[in-house]
């Protein structure tokens, strides 16, 4: 899979930036402040765009590389916004063994969005996730939190059609 990318333009508001700066100020002198600031930033923006990571780095007086390293290490953080149609394919062991990687390939072929990315218009996002706890239905995916299970690649056109 390619490095996650998006061409969705960052559209933060002055109010969001004010909230972010308050979160930074509140945590500035707390040991390990980066994690709680990143968590609050994601709550404010829904994801952690580069622009936000740079504000955090400057505000906490740490390098951008450190902020990016933490943001990309922990799976709880998203670097791209979710699309209107948020597709999450489970790549946990049970799903992977039963072919979930082929589902990701088929989805990418149909909608043109790689795993870890959001379409330029913000309509679709595709995430390869860890176990979602529906192993008995493997392989599983969710679309806007609706669960689809026991899938094969041939199922994808019919499922995705209702979201197009």
N, C-alpha and C. Protein backbone atom coordinates (compact mmCIF):
# COMPACT_ATOMS: atom_id res chain seq x y z
N UNK A 1 0.83 -1.18 0.00
CA UNK A 1 0.00 0.00 0.00
C UNK A 1 0.87 1.25 0.00
N UNK A 2 0.37 2.29 -0.62
CA UNK A 2 1.09 3.55 -0.67
C UNK A 2 0.96 4.30 0.66
N UNK A 3 1.82 5.30 0.82
CA UNK A 3 1.73 6.19 1.97
C UNK A 3 0.38 6.88 1.90
N UNK A 4 -0.36 6.97 3.02
CA UNK A 4 -1.65 7.63 3.01
C UNK A 4 -1.53 9.08 2.53
N UNK A 5 -2.46 9.45 1.67
CA UNK A 5 -2.45 10.81 1.15
C UNK A 5 -3.87 11.33 1.03
N UNK A 6 -3.96 12.61 0.92
CA UNK A 6 -5.22 13.25 0.65
C UNK A 6 -4.94 14.56 -0.06
N UNK A 7 -5.86 14.98 -0.87
CA UNK A 7 -5.73 16.28 -1.48
C UNK A 7 -6.87 17.17 -1.00
N UNK A 8 -7.54 16.75 0.06
CA UNK A 8 -8.59 17.57 0.66
C UNK A 8 -7.91 18.75 1.34
N UNK A 9 -8.33 19.94 1.00
CA UNK A 9 -7.72 21.15 1.54
C UNK A 9 -8.12 21.33 2.99
N UNK A 10 -7.14 21.65 3.84
CA UNK A 10 -7.39 21.90 5.25
C UNK A 10 -8.27 23.14 5.40
N UNK A 11 -9.32 23.02 6.21
CA UNK A 11 -10.25 24.12 6.38
C UNK A 11 -10.54 24.37 7.86
N UNK A 12 -9.49 24.59 8.64
CA UNK A 12 -9.67 24.89 10.05
C UNK A 12 -10.27 26.28 10.24
N UNK A 13 -11.01 26.44 11.32
CA UNK A 13 -11.64 27.73 11.61
C UNK A 13 -10.85 28.45 12.71
N UNK A 14 -11.02 29.76 12.82
CA UNK A 14 -10.38 30.49 13.92
C UNK A 14 -10.81 29.95 15.30
N UNK A 15 -12.04 29.54 15.43
CA UNK A 15 -12.53 28.97 16.69
C UNK A 15 -11.79 27.67 17.02
N UNK A 16 -11.58 26.82 16.02
CA UNK A 16 -10.84 25.59 16.25
C UNK A 16 -9.40 25.89 16.68
N UNK A 17 -8.78 26.86 16.02
CA UNK A 17 -7.41 27.21 16.38
C UNK A 17 -7.35 27.75 17.80
N UNK A 18 -8.34 28.53 18.19
CA UNK A 18 -8.40 29.05 19.55
C UNK A 18 -8.48 27.89 20.55
N UNK A 19 -9.31 26.90 20.25
CA UNK A 19 -9.43 25.72 21.12
C UNK A 19 -8.11 24.95 21.19
N UNK A 20 -7.44 24.82 20.05
CA UNK A 20 -6.16 24.11 20.01
C UNK A 20 -5.12 24.84 20.85
N UNK A 21 -5.02 26.14 20.69
CA UNK A 21 -4.05 26.92 21.45
C UNK A 21 -4.33 26.83 22.96
N UNK A 22 -5.61 26.78 23.33
CA UNK A 22 -5.97 26.63 24.74
C UNK A 22 -5.53 25.26 25.26
N UNK A 23 -5.70 24.22 24.43
CA UNK A 23 -5.27 22.86 24.82
C UNK A 23 -3.75 22.81 24.99
N UNK A 24 -3.04 23.48 24.11
CA UNK A 24 -1.57 23.53 24.20
C UNK A 24 -1.17 24.25 25.48
N UNK A 25 -1.79 25.40 25.72
CA UNK A 25 -1.44 26.19 26.91
C UNK A 25 -1.74 25.40 28.19
N UNK A 26 -2.86 24.72 28.23
CA UNK A 26 -3.27 23.94 29.40
C UNK A 26 -2.26 22.83 29.71
N UNK A 27 -1.65 22.25 28.67
CA UNK A 27 -0.77 21.10 28.84
C UNK A 27 0.72 21.42 28.71
N UNK A 28 1.06 22.65 28.38
CA UNK A 28 2.43 23.03 28.05
C UNK A 28 3.47 22.53 29.05
N UNK A 29 3.22 22.67 30.33
CA UNK A 29 4.21 22.31 31.35
C UNK A 29 3.98 20.94 31.96
N UNK A 30 3.08 20.16 31.38
CA UNK A 30 2.79 18.82 31.88
C UNK A 30 3.75 17.83 31.21
N UNK A 31 4.43 16.98 32.01
CA UNK A 31 5.29 15.96 31.38
C UNK A 31 4.45 15.07 30.44
N UNK A 32 4.98 14.80 29.26
CA UNK A 32 4.26 13.97 28.29
C UNK A 32 3.08 14.69 27.67
N UNK A 33 3.17 16.00 27.56
CA UNK A 33 2.05 16.83 27.07
C UNK A 33 1.62 16.51 25.65
N UNK A 34 2.51 15.96 24.85
CA UNK A 34 2.20 15.76 23.43
C UNK A 34 0.98 14.88 23.22
N UNK A 35 0.90 13.77 23.94
CA UNK A 35 -0.24 12.85 23.74
C UNK A 35 -1.59 13.52 24.05
N UNK A 36 -1.76 14.14 25.21
CA UNK A 36 -3.06 14.76 25.46
C UNK A 36 -3.38 15.90 24.49
N UNK A 37 -2.36 16.64 24.05
CA UNK A 37 -2.61 17.71 23.08
C UNK A 37 -3.04 17.12 21.74
N UNK A 38 -2.39 16.05 21.30
CA UNK A 38 -2.80 15.40 20.05
C UNK A 38 -4.22 14.87 20.17
N UNK A 39 -4.56 14.28 21.31
CA UNK A 39 -5.92 13.77 21.49
C UNK A 39 -6.95 14.88 21.43
N UNK A 40 -6.66 15.99 22.11
CA UNK A 40 -7.59 17.12 22.07
C UNK A 40 -7.68 17.71 20.66
N UNK A 41 -6.54 17.80 19.98
CA UNK A 41 -6.54 18.33 18.62
C UNK A 41 -7.41 17.48 17.70
N UNK A 42 -7.31 16.16 17.86
CA UNK A 42 -8.14 15.28 17.01
C UNK A 42 -9.62 15.44 17.34
N UNK A 43 -9.94 15.65 18.61
CA UNK A 43 -11.34 15.91 18.97
C UNK A 43 -11.83 17.21 18.33
N UNK A 44 -10.97 18.21 18.28
CA UNK A 44 -11.34 19.51 17.73
C UNK A 44 -11.52 19.45 16.21
N UNK A 45 -10.56 18.82 15.52
CA UNK A 45 -10.55 18.84 14.06
C UNK A 45 -11.08 17.57 13.41
N UNK A 46 -11.13 16.46 14.16
CA UNK A 46 -11.55 15.18 13.60
C UNK A 46 -10.40 14.38 13.01
N UNK A 47 -9.25 15.02 12.86
CA UNK A 47 -8.03 14.38 12.35
C UNK A 47 -6.88 15.32 12.63
N UNK A 48 -5.66 14.92 12.28
CA UNK A 48 -4.47 15.73 12.58
C UNK A 48 -3.74 16.14 11.30
N UNK A 49 -4.23 17.16 10.64
CA UNK A 49 -3.55 17.62 9.43
C UNK A 49 -2.18 18.22 9.75
N UNK A 50 -1.34 18.33 8.75
CA UNK A 50 0.01 18.87 8.92
C UNK A 50 -0.03 20.25 9.57
N UNK A 51 -0.97 21.08 9.16
CA UNK A 51 -1.06 22.43 9.70
C UNK A 51 -1.24 22.41 11.22
N UNK A 52 -2.05 21.49 11.70
CA UNK A 52 -2.30 21.37 13.14
C UNK A 52 -1.07 20.81 13.85
N UNK A 53 -0.43 19.83 13.23
CA UNK A 53 0.77 19.26 13.82
C UNK A 53 1.86 20.33 13.98
N UNK A 54 1.97 21.23 13.02
CA UNK A 54 2.98 22.29 13.10
C UNK A 54 2.66 23.29 14.22
N UNK A 55 1.39 23.59 14.41
CA UNK A 55 0.99 24.48 15.51
C UNK A 55 1.32 23.82 16.85
N UNK A 56 1.06 22.54 16.95
CA UNK A 56 1.37 21.80 18.18
C UNK A 56 2.87 21.80 18.44
N UNK A 57 3.66 21.52 17.41
CA UNK A 57 5.11 21.49 17.56
C UNK A 57 5.63 22.84 18.07
N UNK A 58 5.18 23.90 17.45
CA UNK A 58 5.61 25.24 17.85
C UNK A 58 5.15 25.54 19.27
N UNK A 59 3.90 25.23 19.57
CA UNK A 59 3.34 25.55 20.88
C UNK A 59 3.97 24.78 22.03
N UNK A 60 4.39 23.55 21.75
CA UNK A 60 5.02 22.73 22.80
C UNK A 60 6.54 22.79 22.74
N UNK A 61 7.07 23.54 21.78
CA UNK A 61 8.51 23.67 21.60
C UNK A 61 9.18 22.30 21.40
N UNK A 62 8.57 21.51 20.51
CA UNK A 62 9.15 20.23 20.10
C UNK A 62 9.24 20.24 18.58
N UNK A 63 9.99 19.32 18.02
CA UNK A 63 10.13 19.30 16.57
C UNK A 63 8.85 18.77 15.91
N UNK A 64 8.64 19.25 14.69
CA UNK A 64 7.52 18.73 13.91
C UNK A 64 7.68 17.21 13.72
N UNK A 65 8.92 16.76 13.54
CA UNK A 65 9.19 15.33 13.34
C UNK A 65 8.73 14.51 14.54
N UNK A 66 8.91 15.06 15.75
CA UNK A 66 8.45 14.34 16.94
C UNK A 66 6.93 14.24 16.96
N UNK A 67 6.27 15.33 16.64
CA UNK A 67 4.80 15.33 16.61
C UNK A 67 4.32 14.33 15.55
N UNK A 68 4.89 14.40 14.36
CA UNK A 68 4.50 13.49 13.28
C UNK A 68 4.78 12.04 13.67
N UNK A 69 5.91 11.79 14.31
CA UNK A 69 6.26 10.44 14.72
C UNK A 69 5.25 9.85 15.67
N UNK A 70 4.81 10.63 16.64
CA UNK A 70 3.82 10.14 17.60
C UNK A 70 2.47 9.97 16.90
N UNK A 71 2.09 10.94 16.07
CA UNK A 71 0.80 10.88 15.38
C UNK A 71 0.69 9.68 14.45
N UNK A 72 1.82 9.28 13.86
CA UNK A 72 1.77 8.14 12.93
C UNK A 72 2.00 6.81 13.64
N UNK A 73 2.57 6.84 14.83
CA UNK A 73 2.83 5.59 15.56
C UNK A 73 1.56 5.00 16.14
N UNK A 74 0.70 5.84 16.71
CA UNK A 74 -0.50 5.36 17.39
C UNK A 74 -1.68 5.33 16.42
N UNK A 75 -2.33 4.16 16.36
CA UNK A 75 -3.43 3.98 15.40
C UNK A 75 -4.67 4.81 15.74
N UNK A 76 -4.75 5.35 16.95
CA UNK A 76 -5.90 6.16 17.32
C UNK A 76 -5.93 7.50 16.59
N UNK A 77 -4.79 7.89 16.03
CA UNK A 77 -4.72 9.18 15.36
C UNK A 77 -4.90 9.03 13.85
N UNK A 78 -5.66 9.94 13.26
CA UNK A 78 -5.90 9.94 11.82
C UNK A 78 -5.23 11.18 11.21
N UNK A 79 -4.51 10.98 10.11
CA UNK A 79 -3.87 12.10 9.43
C UNK A 79 -4.73 12.65 8.30
N UNK A 80 -5.79 11.94 7.98
CA UNK A 80 -6.68 12.36 6.90
C UNK A 80 -8.10 12.45 7.43
N UNK A 81 -8.89 13.37 6.89
CA UNK A 81 -10.29 13.45 7.31
C UNK A 81 -11.06 12.25 6.79
N UNK A 82 -12.08 11.86 7.51
CA UNK A 82 -12.94 10.79 7.01
C UNK A 82 -13.82 11.37 5.92
N UNK A 83 -14.10 10.53 4.92
CA UNK A 83 -14.98 10.95 3.85
C UNK A 83 -16.44 10.86 4.26
N UNK A 84 -17.31 11.42 3.44
CA UNK A 84 -18.75 11.27 3.68
C UNK A 84 -19.11 9.80 3.73
N UNK A 85 -18.43 9.02 2.89
CA UNK A 85 -18.57 7.56 2.89
C UNK A 85 -17.26 7.02 3.44
N UNK A 86 -17.29 6.66 4.72
CA UNK A 86 -16.09 6.19 5.42
C UNK A 86 -16.06 4.66 5.42
N UNK A 87 -15.12 4.12 4.66
CA UNK A 87 -15.00 2.67 4.50
C UNK A 87 -13.83 2.19 5.35
N UNK A 88 -14.07 1.20 6.19
CA UNK A 88 -13.01 0.63 7.03
C UNK A 88 -13.01 -0.88 6.83
N UNK A 89 -11.90 -1.40 6.33
CA UNK A 89 -11.77 -2.83 6.07
C UNK A 89 -10.91 -3.44 7.18
N UNK A 90 -11.42 -4.46 7.83
CA UNK A 90 -10.67 -5.11 8.90
C UNK A 90 -9.53 -5.93 8.31
N UNK A 91 -8.32 -5.69 8.83
CA UNK A 91 -7.17 -6.49 8.44
C UNK A 91 -6.65 -7.29 9.64
N UNK A 92 -7.52 -7.51 10.63
CA UNK A 92 -7.17 -8.38 11.75
C UNK A 92 -6.91 -9.79 11.22
N UNK A 93 -6.36 -10.63 12.06
CA UNK A 93 -5.93 -11.96 11.61
C UNK A 93 -7.02 -12.76 10.92
N UNK A 94 -8.19 -12.91 11.55
CA UNK A 94 -9.26 -13.73 10.95
C UNK A 94 -9.69 -13.18 9.59
N UNK A 95 -9.85 -11.86 9.52
CA UNK A 95 -10.27 -11.25 8.26
C UNK A 95 -9.18 -11.33 7.19
N UNK A 96 -7.95 -11.10 7.61
CA UNK A 96 -6.85 -11.13 6.66
C UNK A 96 -6.70 -12.52 6.05
N UNK A 97 -6.76 -13.55 6.90
CA UNK A 97 -6.63 -14.93 6.43
C UNK A 97 -7.76 -15.28 5.45
N UNK A 98 -8.93 -14.67 5.65
CA UNK A 98 -10.07 -14.96 4.77
C UNK A 98 -10.18 -13.99 3.60
N UNK A 99 -9.14 -13.17 3.37
CA UNK A 99 -9.09 -12.40 2.12
C UNK A 99 -9.43 -10.93 2.18
N UNK A 100 -9.35 -10.30 3.35
CA UNK A 100 -9.73 -8.89 3.41
C UNK A 100 -8.81 -7.98 2.59
N UNK A 101 -7.55 -8.37 2.41
CA UNK A 101 -6.65 -7.55 1.59
C UNK A 101 -7.17 -7.46 0.15
N UNK A 102 -7.79 -8.51 -0.34
CA UNK A 102 -8.37 -8.50 -1.69
C UNK A 102 -9.57 -7.55 -1.75
N UNK A 103 -10.27 -7.42 -0.63
CA UNK A 103 -11.40 -6.47 -0.59
C UNK A 103 -10.88 -5.04 -0.76
N UNK A 104 -9.78 -4.73 -0.06
CA UNK A 104 -9.18 -3.40 -0.18
C UNK A 104 -8.78 -3.14 -1.63
N UNK A 105 -8.16 -4.11 -2.28
CA UNK A 105 -7.77 -3.96 -3.68
C UNK A 105 -8.98 -3.67 -4.56
N UNK A 106 -10.06 -4.40 -4.35
CA UNK A 106 -11.27 -4.22 -5.16
C UNK A 106 -11.91 -2.85 -4.92
N UNK A 107 -11.95 -2.43 -3.66
CA UNK A 107 -12.51 -1.12 -3.33
C UNK A 107 -11.69 -0.03 -4.02
N UNK A 108 -10.37 -0.14 -3.94
CA UNK A 108 -9.48 0.84 -4.59
C UNK A 108 -9.73 0.87 -6.09
N UNK A 109 -9.89 -0.29 -6.67
CA UNK A 109 -10.16 -0.38 -8.11
C UNK A 109 -11.47 0.31 -8.47
N UNK A 110 -12.50 0.15 -7.64
CA UNK A 110 -13.82 0.70 -7.95
C UNK A 110 -13.88 2.21 -7.73
N UNK A 111 -13.40 2.68 -6.57
CA UNK A 111 -13.57 4.11 -6.25
C UNK A 111 -12.30 4.94 -6.42
N UNK A 112 -11.17 4.26 -6.66
CA UNK A 112 -9.93 4.99 -6.92
C UNK A 112 -9.29 5.62 -5.70
N UNK A 113 -9.59 5.10 -4.52
CA UNK A 113 -9.01 5.65 -3.29
C UNK A 113 -8.21 4.54 -2.60
N UNK A 114 -6.92 4.82 -2.36
CA UNK A 114 -6.05 3.86 -1.68
C UNK A 114 -6.38 3.80 -0.19
N UNK A 115 -6.07 2.69 0.45
CA UNK A 115 -6.24 2.57 1.90
C UNK A 115 -5.40 3.65 2.58
N UNK A 116 -5.98 4.29 3.58
CA UNK A 116 -5.30 5.35 4.29
C UNK A 116 -5.48 6.72 3.65
N UNK A 117 -6.36 6.80 2.65
CA UNK A 117 -6.53 8.05 1.91
C UNK A 117 -7.98 8.49 1.85
N UNK A 118 -8.14 9.73 1.45
CA UNK A 118 -9.46 10.33 1.25
C UNK A 118 -9.49 10.89 -0.16
N UNK A 119 -10.62 10.73 -0.84
CA UNK A 119 -10.73 11.25 -2.21
C UNK A 119 -10.63 12.78 -2.18
N UNK A 120 -10.15 13.39 -3.27
CA UNK A 120 -9.98 14.84 -3.32
C UNK A 120 -11.26 15.62 -3.03
N UNK A 121 -12.41 15.05 -3.38
CA UNK A 121 -13.68 15.75 -3.13
C UNK A 121 -14.23 15.50 -1.73
N UNK A 122 -13.52 14.69 -0.93
CA UNK A 122 -13.96 14.41 0.43
C UNK A 122 -15.10 13.41 0.52
N UNK A 123 -15.49 12.82 -0.60
CA UNK A 123 -16.62 11.88 -0.61
C UNK A 123 -16.26 10.54 0.03
N UNK A 124 -15.10 9.97 -0.31
CA UNK A 124 -14.74 8.63 0.15
C UNK A 124 -13.44 8.64 0.96
N UNK A 125 -13.41 7.82 1.99
CA UNK A 125 -12.15 7.52 2.66
C UNK A 125 -12.10 6.01 2.86
N UNK A 126 -10.89 5.47 2.79
CA UNK A 126 -10.69 4.03 2.96
C UNK A 126 -9.61 3.83 4.02
N UNK A 127 -9.93 3.06 5.02
CA UNK A 127 -8.96 2.74 6.07
C UNK A 127 -8.83 1.23 6.19
N UNK A 128 -7.61 0.79 6.37
CA UNK A 128 -7.34 -0.61 6.71
C UNK A 128 -7.22 -0.62 8.22
N UNK A 129 -8.14 -1.28 8.90
CA UNK A 129 -8.20 -1.22 10.36
C UNK A 129 -7.74 -2.52 11.01
N UNK A 130 -7.55 -2.44 12.30
CA UNK A 130 -7.28 -3.64 13.09
C UNK A 130 -8.62 -4.31 13.38
N UNK A 131 -8.59 -5.37 14.12
CA UNK A 131 -9.78 -6.15 14.42
C UNK A 131 -10.93 -5.26 14.90
N UNK A 132 -12.11 -5.48 14.33
CA UNK A 132 -13.28 -4.72 14.76
C UNK A 132 -14.21 -5.58 15.61
N UNK A 133 -13.80 -6.81 15.90
CA UNK A 133 -14.56 -7.65 16.82
C UNK A 133 -15.71 -8.41 16.20
N UNK A 134 -15.68 -8.61 14.91
CA UNK A 134 -16.73 -9.39 14.24
C UNK A 134 -16.09 -10.56 13.50
N UNK A 135 -15.17 -11.25 14.18
CA UNK A 135 -14.37 -12.31 13.55
C UNK A 135 -15.22 -13.43 12.97
N UNK A 136 -16.37 -13.70 13.57
CA UNK A 136 -17.25 -14.74 13.06
C UNK A 136 -17.83 -14.42 11.70
N UNK A 137 -17.75 -13.15 11.29
CA UNK A 137 -18.26 -12.71 9.99
C UNK A 137 -17.14 -12.46 8.98
N UNK A 138 -15.93 -12.85 9.34
CA UNK A 138 -14.75 -12.54 8.51
C UNK A 138 -14.90 -13.03 7.07
N UNK A 139 -14.37 -12.21 6.14
CA UNK A 139 -13.82 -10.88 6.28
C UNK A 139 -14.93 -9.82 6.38
N UNK A 140 -14.62 -8.76 7.14
CA UNK A 140 -15.61 -7.74 7.49
C UNK A 140 -15.12 -6.36 7.07
N UNK A 141 -16.09 -5.51 6.72
CA UNK A 141 -15.81 -4.09 6.55
C UNK A 141 -16.99 -3.31 7.07
N UNK A 142 -16.74 -2.04 7.35
CA UNK A 142 -17.84 -1.16 7.72
C UNK A 142 -17.85 0.01 6.75
N UNK A 143 -19.05 0.49 6.48
CA UNK A 143 -19.22 1.71 5.70
C UNK A 143 -20.14 2.59 6.53
N UNK A 144 -19.59 3.72 6.97
CA UNK A 144 -20.32 4.61 7.89
C UNK A 144 -20.91 3.83 9.06
N UNK A 145 -20.10 2.95 9.61
CA UNK A 145 -20.43 2.12 10.78
C UNK A 145 -21.47 1.03 10.52
N UNK A 146 -21.87 0.82 9.28
CA UNK A 146 -22.73 -0.31 8.93
C UNK A 146 -21.82 -1.50 8.61
N UNK A 147 -22.07 -2.63 9.26
CA UNK A 147 -21.19 -3.80 9.14
C UNK A 147 -21.62 -4.70 7.98
N UNK A 148 -20.64 -5.11 7.19
CA UNK A 148 -20.85 -6.08 6.11
C UNK A 148 -19.88 -7.23 6.35
N UNK A 149 -20.38 -8.45 6.32
CA UNK A 149 -19.51 -9.58 6.61
C UNK A 149 -19.62 -10.70 5.60
N UNK A 150 -18.69 -11.68 5.77
CA UNK A 150 -18.58 -12.85 4.89
C UNK A 150 -18.51 -12.41 3.42
N UNK A 151 -17.56 -11.54 3.17
CA UNK A 151 -17.46 -10.90 1.86
C UNK A 151 -16.41 -11.54 0.96
N UNK A 152 -16.62 -11.36 -0.32
CA UNK A 152 -15.62 -11.68 -1.34
C UNK A 152 -15.53 -10.45 -2.24
N UNK A 153 -14.43 -10.30 -2.98
CA UNK A 153 -14.29 -9.12 -3.83
C UNK A 153 -15.48 -8.88 -4.77
N UNK A 154 -16.09 -9.93 -5.24
CA UNK A 154 -17.23 -9.79 -6.17
C UNK A 154 -18.43 -9.10 -5.51
N UNK A 155 -18.47 -9.06 -4.17
CA UNK A 155 -19.56 -8.38 -3.45
C UNK A 155 -19.42 -6.86 -3.48
N UNK A 156 -18.21 -6.37 -3.70
CA UNK A 156 -17.93 -4.95 -3.54
C UNK A 156 -18.72 -4.04 -4.48
N UNK A 157 -18.85 -4.33 -5.78
CA UNK A 157 -19.61 -3.42 -6.62
C UNK A 157 -21.05 -3.21 -6.14
N UNK A 158 -21.71 -4.28 -5.74
CA UNK A 158 -23.09 -4.16 -5.27
C UNK A 158 -23.21 -3.37 -3.98
N UNK A 159 -22.27 -3.59 -3.06
CA UNK A 159 -22.30 -2.87 -1.79
C UNK A 159 -22.00 -1.39 -2.01
N UNK A 160 -20.95 -1.10 -2.78
CA UNK A 160 -20.55 0.29 -2.98
C UNK A 160 -21.54 1.08 -3.82
N UNK A 161 -22.29 0.40 -4.66
CA UNK A 161 -23.24 1.06 -5.56
C UNK A 161 -24.21 1.97 -4.79
N UNK A 162 -24.66 1.52 -3.62
CA UNK A 162 -25.64 2.33 -2.89
C UNK A 162 -25.03 3.58 -2.27
N UNK A 163 -23.69 3.69 -2.28
CA UNK A 163 -23.03 4.87 -1.74
C UNK A 163 -22.48 5.79 -2.82
N UNK A 164 -22.73 5.45 -4.07
CA UNK A 164 -22.16 6.24 -5.17
C UNK A 164 -23.15 7.25 -5.69
